[in-house]
Structures are given as C-alpha cells and as structure tokens.
Amino acid sequence: MGCSNISSELHPTKPNERIVGTIGYTLMMVALTIATSIFFLGWISQILGLSLFQ
C-alpha cells in the first residue's frame, strides 16, 4: 500500500504557506463562541421570540 497515488492537494500545508495562522484561527473560534452564546442566550433570541424553556 503505497502513498504514491494520493493527490498532493491532500497533504498538509506548510506553516509558511497557510492563509489563516494560529491567531486568526483562535480569533475565529472566539468570535463563533461569542456569536453562538449571544444568539441562544442574549438579545437576538428575545427579538426572535425564542425561549430556552420551550
């Protein structure tokens, strides 16, 4: 079972070729966490008439 038939696009990218770095990825995860919590627990859910008790 050789790996010669695997496409080169499936190999991991080198750190210097990555578009999104560690800081960018971390900021995206924090933003998604905050947005999700605001949607389910904050004012957005109240505007839409959603309730956690339903």
PDB file of N, CA and C in Angstrom:
ATOM      1  N   MET A   1       0.846  -1.188   0.000  1.00  0.00           N
ATOM      2  CA  MET A   1       0.000   0.000   0.000  1.00  0.00           C
ATOM      3  C   MET A   1       0.883   1.240   0.000  1.00  0.00           C
ATOM      4  N   GLY A   2       1.152   1.745  -1.140  1.00  0.00           N
ATOM      5  CA  GLY A   2       1.961   2.945  -1.240  1.00  0.00           C
ATOM      6  C   GLY A   2       1.108   4.196  -1.252  1.00  0.00           C
ATOM      7  N   CYS A   3       1.733   5.285  -0.905  1.00  0.00           N
ATOM      8  CA  CYS A   3       1.022   6.567  -0.871  1.00  0.00           C
ATOM      9  C   CYS A   3       1.276   7.372  -2.138  1.00  0.00           C
ATOM     10  N   SER A   4       1.808   6.748  -3.161  1.00  0.00           N
ATOM     11  CA  SER A   4       2.167   7.496  -4.362  1.00  0.00           C
ATOM     12  C   SER A   4       0.953   7.952  -5.162  1.00  0.00           C
ATOM     13  N   ASN A   5      -0.207   7.292  -4.965  1.00  0.00           N
ATOM     14  CA  ASN A   5      -1.384   7.672  -5.738  1.00  0.00           C
ATOM     15  C   ASN A   5      -2.245   8.722  -5.045  1.00  0.00           C
ATOM     16  N   ILE A   6      -1.816   9.206  -3.888  1.00  0.00           N
ATOM     17  CA  ILE A   6      -2.573  10.231  -3.162  1.00  0.00           C
ATOM     18  C   ILE A   6      -2.269  11.602  -3.766  1.00  0.00           C
ATOM     19  N   SER A   7      -3.307  12.388  -3.964  1.00  0.00           N
ATOM     20  CA  SER A   7      -3.150  13.718  -4.544  1.00  0.00           C
ATOM     21  C   SER A   7      -2.333  14.614  -3.618  1.00  0.00           C
ATOM     22  N   SER A   8      -1.525  15.471  -4.203  1.00  0.00           N
ATOM     23  CA  SER A   8      -0.710  16.384  -3.399  1.00  0.00           C
ATOM     24  C   SER A   8      -1.559  17.445  -2.710  1.00  0.00           C
ATOM     25  N   GLU A   9      -2.813  17.637  -3.172  1.00  0.00           N
ATOM     26  CA  GLU A   9      -3.696  18.619  -2.538  1.00  0.00           C
ATOM     27  C   GLU A   9      -4.159  18.170  -1.160  1.00  0.00           C
ATOM     28  N   LEU A  10      -4.045  16.873  -0.874  1.00  0.00           N
ATOM     29  CA  LEU A  10      -4.497  16.356   0.410  1.00  0.00           C
ATOM     30  C   LEU A  10      -3.428  16.415   1.488  1.00  0.00           C
ATOM     31  N   HIS A  11      -2.204  16.734   1.105  1.00  0.00           N
ATOM     32  CA  HIS A  11      -1.138  16.836   2.092  1.00  0.00           C
ATOM     33  C   HIS A  11      -1.306  18.115   2.910  1.00  0.00           C
ATOM     34  N   PRO A  12      -0.882  18.100   4.178  1.00  0.00           N
ATOM     35  CA  PRO A  12      -0.976  19.325   4.987  1.00  0.00           C
ATOM     36  C   PRO A  12      -0.119  20.445   4.400  1.00  0.00           C
ATOM     37  N   THR A  13      -0.583  21.664   4.564  1.00  0.00           N
ATOM     38  CA  THR A  13       0.191  22.799   4.062  1.00  0.00           C
ATOM     39  C   THR A  13       1.301  23.142   5.037  1.00  0.00           C
ATOM     40  N   LYS A  14       2.345  23.709   4.510  1.00  0.00           N
ATOM     41  CA  LYS A  14       3.461  24.127   5.351  1.00  0.00           C
ATOM     42  C   LYS A  14       3.053  25.375   6.123  1.00  0.00           C
ATOM     43  N   PRO A  15       3.615  25.580   7.307  1.00  0.00           N
ATOM     44  CA  PRO A  15       3.227  26.755   8.111  1.00  0.00           C
ATOM     45  C   PRO A  15       3.401  28.082   7.391  1.00  0.00           C
ATOM     46  N   ASN A  16       4.422  28.212   6.548  1.00  0.00           N
ATOM     47  CA  ASN A  16       4.631  29.492   5.860  1.00  0.00           C
ATOM     48  C   ASN A  16       3.696  29.677   4.667  1.00  0.00           C
ATOM     49  N   GLU A  17       2.947  28.633   4.261  1.00  0.00           N
ATOM     50  CA  GLU A  17       2.013  28.734   3.140  1.00  0.00           C
ATOM     51  C   GLU A  17       0.559  28.845   3.590  1.00  0.00           C
ATOM     52  N   ARG A  18       0.323  28.795   4.880  1.00  0.00           N
ATOM     53  CA  ARG A  18      -1.049  28.837   5.378  1.00  0.00           C
ATOM     54  C   ARG A  18      -1.620  30.237   5.265  1.00  0.00           C
ATOM     55  N   ILE A  19      -2.894  30.309   4.895  1.00  0.00           N
ATOM     56  CA  ILE A  19      -3.565  31.600   4.761  1.00  0.00           C
ATOM     57  C   ILE A  19      -3.986  32.116   6.132  1.00  0.00           C
ATOM     58  N   VAL A  20      -4.572  31.239   6.939  1.00  0.00           N
ATOM     59  CA  VAL A  20      -5.016  31.621   8.282  1.00  0.00           C
ATOM     60  C   VAL A  20      -4.034  31.037   9.284  1.00  0.00           C
ATOM     61  N   GLY A  21      -3.440  31.896  10.091  1.00  0.00           N
ATOM     62  CA  GLY A  21      -2.484  31.442  11.082  1.00  0.00           C
ATOM     63  C   GLY A  21      -3.158  31.060  12.392  1.00  0.00           C
ATOM     64  N   THR A  22      -2.345  30.821  13.394  1.00  0.00           N
ATOM     65  CA  THR A  22      -2.856  30.406  14.699  1.00  0.00           C
ATOM     66  C   THR A  22      -3.696  31.497  15.337  1.00  0.00           C
ATOM     67  N   ILE A  23      -3.255  32.731  15.241  1.00  0.00           N
ATOM     68  CA  ILE A  23      -4.001  33.837  15.853  1.00  0.00           C
ATOM     69  C   ILE A  23      -5.329  34.038  15.139  1.00  0.00           C
ATOM     70  N   GLY A  24      -5.319  33.983  13.820  1.00  0.00           N
ATOM     71  CA  GLY A  24      -6.560  34.129  13.059  1.00  0.00           C
ATOM     72  C   GLY A  24      -7.547  33.027  13.366  1.00  0.00           C
ATOM     73  N   TYR A  25      -7.060  31.791  13.471  1.00  0.00           N
ATOM     74  CA  TYR A  25      -7.933  30.665  13.789  1.00  0.00           C
ATOM     75  C   TYR A  25      -8.513  30.822  15.191  1.00  0.00           C
ATOM     76  N   THR A  26      -7.683  31.245  16.139  1.00  0.00           N
ATOM     77  CA  THR A  26      -8.155  31.447  17.509  1.00  0.00           C
ATOM     78  C   THR A  26      -9.209  32.542  17.564  1.00  0.00           C
ATOM     79  N   LEU A  27      -8.991  33.640  16.846  1.00  0.00           N
ATOM     80  CA  LEU A  27      -9.971  34.725  16.831  1.00  0.00           C
ATOM     81  C   LEU A  27     -11.288  34.283  16.204  1.00  0.00           C
ATOM     82  N   MET A  28     -11.217  33.452  15.162  1.00  0.00           N
ATOM     83  CA  MET A  28     -12.449  32.941  14.557  1.00  0.00           C
ATOM     84  C   MET A  28     -13.219  32.067  15.535  1.00  0.00           C
ATOM     85  N   MET A  29     -12.520  31.222  16.281  1.00  0.00           N
ATOM     86  CA  MET A  29     -13.198  30.340  17.233  1.00  0.00           C
ATOM     87  C   MET A  29     -13.830  31.151  18.367  1.00  0.00           C
ATOM     88  N   VAL A  30     -13.140  32.175  18.854  1.00  0.00           N
ATOM     89  CA  VAL A  30     -13.692  33.032  19.906  1.00  0.00           C
ATOM     90  C   VAL A  30     -14.916  33.778  19.388  1.00  0.00           C
ATOM     91  N   ALA A  31     -14.836  34.304  18.172  1.00  0.00           N
ATOM     92  CA  ALA A  31     -15.969  35.030  17.600  1.00  0.00           C
ATOM     93  C   ALA A  31     -17.177  34.117  17.421  1.00  0.00           C
ATOM     94  N   LEU A  32     -16.958  32.889  16.958  1.00  0.00           N
ATOM     95  CA  LEU A  32     -18.066  31.947  16.803  1.00  0.00           C
ATOM     96  C   LEU A  32     -18.675  31.576  18.149  1.00  0.00           C
ATOM     97  N   THR A  33     -17.842  31.427  19.170  1.00  0.00           N
ATOM     98  CA  THR A  33     -18.343  31.108  20.505  1.00  0.00           C
ATOM     99  C   THR A  33     -19.196  32.241  21.044  1.00  0.00           C
ATOM    100  N   ILE A  34     -18.725  33.468  20.888  1.00  0.00           N
ATOM    101  CA  ILE A  34     -19.476  34.630  21.372  1.00  0.00           C
ATOM    102  C   ILE A  34     -20.774  34.788  20.596  1.00  0.00           C
ATOM    103  N   ALA A  35     -20.713  34.643  19.280  1.00  0.00           N
ATOM    104  CA  ALA A  35     -21.921  34.799  18.466  1.00  0.00           C
ATOM    105  C   ALA A  35     -22.959  33.732  18.799  1.00  0.00           C
ATOM    106  N   THR A  36     -22.518  32.509  19.025  1.00  0.00           N
ATOM    107  CA  THR A  36     -23.450  31.434  19.369  1.00  0.00           C
ATOM    108  C   THR A  36     -24.094  31.683  20.716  1.00  0.00           C
ATOM    109  N   SER A  37     -23.306  32.113  21.695  1.00  0.00           N
ATOM    110  CA  SER A  37     -23.875  32.368  23.019  1.00  0.00           C
ATOM    111  C   SER A  37     -24.818  33.561  22.996  1.00  0.00           C
ATOM    112  N   ILE A  38     -24.505  34.586  22.215  1.00  0.00           N
ATOM    113  CA  ILE A  38     -25.416  35.728  22.105  1.00  0.00           C
ATOM    114  C   ILE A  38     -26.717  35.302  21.443  1.00  0.00           C
ATOM    115  N   PHE A  39     -26.629  34.439  20.431  1.00  0.00           N
ATOM    116  CA  PHE A  39     -27.837  34.011  19.737  1.00  0.00           C
ATOM    117  C   PHE A  39     -28.750  33.213  20.659  1.00  0.00           C
ATOM    118  N   PHE A  40     -28.194  32.270  21.413  1.00  0.00           N
ATOM    119  CA  PHE A  40     -29.037  31.400  22.227  1.00  0.00           C
ATOM    120  C   PHE A  40     -29.406  32.006  23.574  1.00  0.00           C
ATOM    121  N   LEU A  41     -28.572  32.870  24.132  1.00  0.00           N
ATOM    122  CA  LEU A  41     -28.817  33.384  25.478  1.00  0.00           C
ATOM    123  C   LEU A  41     -29.071  34.884  25.529  1.00  0.00           C
ATOM    124  N   GLY A  42     -28.839  35.586  24.463  1.00  0.00           N
ATOM    125  CA  GLY A  42     -28.872  37.033  24.521  1.00  0.00           C
ATOM    126  C   GLY A  42     -30.071  37.661  23.872  1.00  0.00           C
ATOM    127  N   TRP A  43     -29.876  38.867  23.428  1.00  0.00           N
ATOM    128  CA  TRP A  43     -30.969  39.695  22.931  1.00  0.00           C
ATOM    129  C   TRP A  43     -31.494  39.228  21.585  1.00  0.00           C
ATOM    130  N   ILE A  44     -30.678  38.526  20.797  1.00  0.00           N
ATOM    131  CA  ILE A  44     -31.165  38.053  19.498  1.00  0.00           C
ATOM    132  C   ILE A  44     -32.295  37.051  19.692  1.00  0.00           C
ATOM    133  N   SER A  45     -32.153  36.158  20.662  1.00  0.00           N
ATOM    134  CA  SER A  45     -33.208  35.174  20.904  1.00  0.00           C
ATOM    135  C   SER A  45     -34.477  35.837  21.422  1.00  0.00           C
ATOM    136  N   GLN A  46     -34.329  36.900  22.204  1.00  0.00           N
ATOM    137  CA  GLN A  46     -35.512  37.610  22.703  1.00  0.00           C
ATOM    138  C   GLN A  46     -36.244  38.316  21.563  1.00  0.00           C
ATOM    139  N   ILE A  47     -35.498  38.894  20.635  1.00  0.00           N
ATOM    140  CA  ILE A  47     -36.122  39.563  19.492  1.00  0.00           C
ATOM    141  C   ILE A  47     -36.885  38.554  18.637  1.00  0.00           C
ATOM    142  N   LEU A  48     -36.323  37.360  18.476  1.00  0.00           N
ATOM    143  CA  LEU A  48     -36.963  36.335  17.658  1.00  0.00           C
ATOM    144  C   LEU A  48     -38.060  35.586  18.409  1.00  0.00           C
ATOM    145  N   GLY A  49     -38.213  35.875  19.700  1.00  0.00           N
ATOM    146  CA  GLY A  49     -39.249  35.223  20.487  1.00  0.00           C
ATOM    147  C   GLY A  49     -38.899  33.813  20.910  1.00  0.00           C
ATOM    148  N   LEU A  50     -37.613  33.504  20.982  1.00  0.00           N
ATOM    149  CA  LEU A  50     -37.193  32.170  21.385  1.00  0.00           C
ATOM    150  C   LEU A  50     -37.021  32.099  22.895  1.00  0.00           C
ATOM    151  N   SER A  51     -37.190  30.901  23.430  1.00  0.00           N
ATOM    152  CA  SER A  51     -37.025  30.703  24.865  1.00  0.00           C
ATOM    153  C   SER A  51     -36.322  29.374  25.098  1.00  0.00           C
ATOM    154  N   LEU A  52     -35.444  29.327  26.100  1.00  0.00           N
ATOM    155  CA  LEU A  52     -34.750  28.089  26.424  1.00  0.00           C
ATOM    156  C   LEU A  52     -35.680  27.083  27.093  1.00  0.00           C
ATOM    157  N   PHE A  53     -36.810  27.544  27.620  1.00  0.00           N
ATOM    158  CA  PHE A  53     -37.725  26.672  28.347  1.00  0.00           C
ATOM    159  C   PHE A  53     -38.677  25.925  27.424  1.00  0.00           C
ATOM    160  N   GLN A  54     -38.711  26.268  26.169  1.00  0.00           N
ATOM    161  CA  GLN A  54     -39.640  25.607  25.242  1.00  0.00           C
ATOM    162  C   GLN A  54     -39.095  24.280  24.767  1.00  0.00           C
TER     163      GLN A  54
END
